[in-house]
């Protein structure tokens, strides 16, 4: 977490406090969604091993979404964002 936080703050030199707050907020949102997903799996009586499968499915879905969004982003925007 600290290296990611440092990168976010350095990339957002104009508003480091806002970038830091958004980064921490995203992690907290991920924790809340993961807890809700795990609780839903347990509540559906799918068993405790299904919780890890649901987590793996969520991680796979997030990776697929990230890769899909990365392909749609023009290279010029990526180069400009990196500075």
C-alpha atoms as a PDB file:
ATOM      1  CA  UNK A   1       0.000   0.000   0.000  1.00  0.00           C
ATOM      2  CA  UNK A   2       2.660   2.644   0.798  1.00  0.00           C
ATOM      3  CA  UNK A   3       4.380   2.427  -2.632  1.00  0.00           C
ATOM      4  CA  UNK A   4       1.036   2.791  -4.398  1.00  0.00           C
ATOM      5  CA  UNK A   5       0.122   5.733  -2.189  1.00  0.00           C
ATOM      6  CA  UNK A   6       3.439   7.424  -2.968  1.00  0.00           C
ATOM      7  CA  UNK A   7       2.897   6.950  -6.695  1.00  0.00           C
ATOM      8  CA  UNK A   8      -0.622   8.348  -6.566  1.00  0.00           C
ATOM      9  CA  UNK A   9       0.485  11.394  -4.581  1.00  0.00           C
ATOM     10  CA  UNK A  10       3.417  12.091  -6.888  1.00  0.00           C
ATOM     11  CA  UNK A  11       1.234  11.726  -9.998  1.00  0.00           C
ATOM     12  CA  UNK A  12      -1.317  14.189  -8.613  1.00  0.00           C
ATOM     13  CA  UNK A  13       1.024  17.019  -7.726  1.00  0.00           C
ATOM     14  CA  UNK A  14      -1.741  19.620  -8.040  1.00  0.00           C
ATOM     15  CA  UNK A  15      -4.041  17.957  -5.481  1.00  0.00           C
ATOM     16  CA  UNK A  16      -2.153  15.344  -3.437  1.00  0.00           C
ATOM     17  CA  UNK A  17      -4.622  15.350  -0.545  1.00  0.00           C
ATOM     18  CA  UNK A  18      -7.549  14.647  -2.859  1.00  0.00           C
ATOM     19  CA  UNK A  19      -5.638  11.891  -4.643  1.00  0.00           C
ATOM     20  CA  UNK A  20      -4.669  10.314  -1.339  1.00  0.00           C
ATOM     21  CA  UNK A  21      -8.247  10.414  -0.067  1.00  0.00           C
ATOM     22  CA  UNK A  22      -9.575   8.878  -3.295  1.00  0.00           C
ATOM     23  CA  UNK A  23      -6.968   6.112  -3.153  1.00  0.00           C
ATOM     24  CA  UNK A  24      -7.801   5.175   0.441  1.00  0.00           C
ATOM     25  CA  UNK A  25     -11.513   5.437  -0.346  1.00  0.00           C
ATOM     26  CA  UNK A  26     -11.109   2.981  -3.215  1.00  0.00           C
ATOM     27  CA  UNK A  27      -9.393   0.486  -0.922  1.00  0.00           C
ATOM     28  CA  UNK A  28     -12.149   0.849   1.670  1.00  0.00           C
ATOM     29  CA  UNK A  29     -14.805   0.368  -1.003  1.00  0.00           C
ATOM     30  CA  UNK A  30     -13.048  -2.797  -2.146  1.00  0.00           C
ATOM     31  CA  UNK A  31     -13.017  -4.100   1.432  1.00  0.00           C
ATOM     32  CA  UNK A  32     -16.730  -3.388   1.815  1.00  0.00           C
ATOM     33  CA  UNK A  33     -17.635  -5.062  -1.483  1.00  0.00           C
ATOM     34  CA  UNK A  34     -15.505  -8.093  -0.608  1.00  0.00           C
ATOM     35  CA  UNK A  35     -17.150  -8.430   2.796  1.00  0.00           C
ATOM     36  CA  UNK A  36     -20.615  -8.146   1.262  1.00  0.00           C
ATOM     37  CA  UNK A  37     -19.763 -10.713  -1.417  1.00  0.00           C
ATOM     38  CA  UNK A  38     -18.367 -13.143   1.142  1.00  0.00           C
ATOM     39  CA  UNK A  39     -21.348 -12.631   3.427  1.00  0.00           C
ATOM     40  CA  UNK A  40     -23.730 -13.208   0.521  1.00  0.00           C
ATOM     41  CA  UNK A  41     -22.001 -16.466  -0.379  1.00  0.00           C
ATOM     42  CA  UNK A  42     -22.155 -17.684   3.213  1.00  0.00           C
ATOM     43  CA  UNK A  43     -25.780 -16.564   3.554  1.00  0.00           C
ATOM     44  CA  UNK A  44     -26.659 -18.517   0.392  1.00  0.00           C
ATOM     45  CA  UNK A  45     -25.419 -21.697   2.160  1.00  0.00           C
ATOM     46  CA  UNK A  46     -22.809 -22.360  -0.516  1.00  0.00           C
ATOM     47  CA  UNK A  47     -20.226 -23.269   2.119  1.00  0.00           C
ATOM     48  CA  UNK A  48     -16.993 -21.688   3.227  1.00  0.00           C
ATOM     49  CA  UNK A  49     -14.888 -22.996   0.296  1.00  0.00           C
ATOM     50  CA  UNK A  50     -17.181 -21.067  -2.072  1.00  0.00           C
ATOM     51  CA  UNK A  51     -16.049 -17.795  -0.461  1.00  0.00           C
ATOM     52  CA  UNK A  52     -12.563 -18.218  -1.914  1.00  0.00           C
ATOM     53  CA  UNK A  53     -14.055 -19.120  -5.300  1.00  0.00           C
ATOM     54  CA  UNK A  54     -16.215 -15.989  -5.213  1.00  0.00           C
ATOM     55  CA  UNK A  55     -13.132 -13.928  -4.333  1.00  0.00           C
ATOM     56  CA  UNK A  56     -11.198 -15.467  -7.211  1.00  0.00           C
ATOM     57  CA  UNK A  57     -14.106 -14.760  -9.569  1.00  0.00           C
ATOM     58  CA  UNK A  58     -14.258 -11.143  -8.387  1.00  0.00           C
ATOM     59  CA  UNK A  59     -10.502 -10.723  -8.885  1.00  0.00           C
ATOM     60  CA  UNK A  60     -10.723 -12.281 -12.348  1.00  0.00           C
ATOM     61  CA  UNK A  61     -13.603 -10.001 -13.268  1.00  0.00           C
ATOM     62  CA  UNK A  62     -11.660  -6.951 -12.084  1.00  0.00           C
ATOM     63  CA  UNK A  63      -8.610  -8.016 -14.092  1.00  0.00           C
ATOM     64  CA  UNK A  64     -10.700  -8.543 -17.228  1.00  0.00           C
ATOM     65  CA  UNK A  65     -12.316  -5.132 -16.752  1.00  0.00           C
ATOM     66  CA  UNK A  66      -8.927  -3.487 -16.255  1.00  0.00           C
ATOM     67  CA  UNK A  67      -7.487  -5.110 -19.376  1.00  0.00           C
ATOM     68  CA  UNK A  68     -10.577  -4.197 -21.381  1.00  0.00           C
ATOM     69  CA  UNK A  69     -10.402  -0.570 -20.291  1.00  0.00           C
ATOM     70  CA  UNK A  70      -6.692  -0.418 -20.980  1.00  0.00           C
ATOM     71  CA  UNK A  71      -7.211  -1.498 -24.584  1.00  0.00           C
ATOM     72  CA  UNK A  72      -9.856   1.170 -25.110  1.00  0.00           C
ATOM     73  CA  UNK A  73      -7.664   3.980 -23.746  1.00  0.00           C
ATOM     74  CA  UNK A  74      -5.709   5.705 -26.528  1.00  0.00           C
ATOM     75  CA  UNK A  75      -1.936   5.587 -26.116  1.00  0.00           C
ATOM     76  CA  UNK A  76      -1.681   9.368 -26.310  1.00  0.00           C
ATOM     77  CA  UNK A  77      -3.742   9.724 -23.146  1.00  0.00           C
ATOM     78  CA  UNK A  78      -1.588   7.172 -21.357  1.00  0.00           C
ATOM     79  CA  UNK A  79       1.597   8.975 -22.365  1.00  0.00           C
ATOM     80  CA  UNK A  80       0.188  12.315 -21.230  1.00  0.00           C
ATOM     81  CA  UNK A  81      -0.915  10.866 -17.890  1.00  0.00           C
ATOM     82  CA  UNK A  82       2.543   9.493 -17.199  1.00  0.00           C
ATOM     83  CA  UNK A  83       4.103  12.891 -17.756  1.00  0.00           C
END
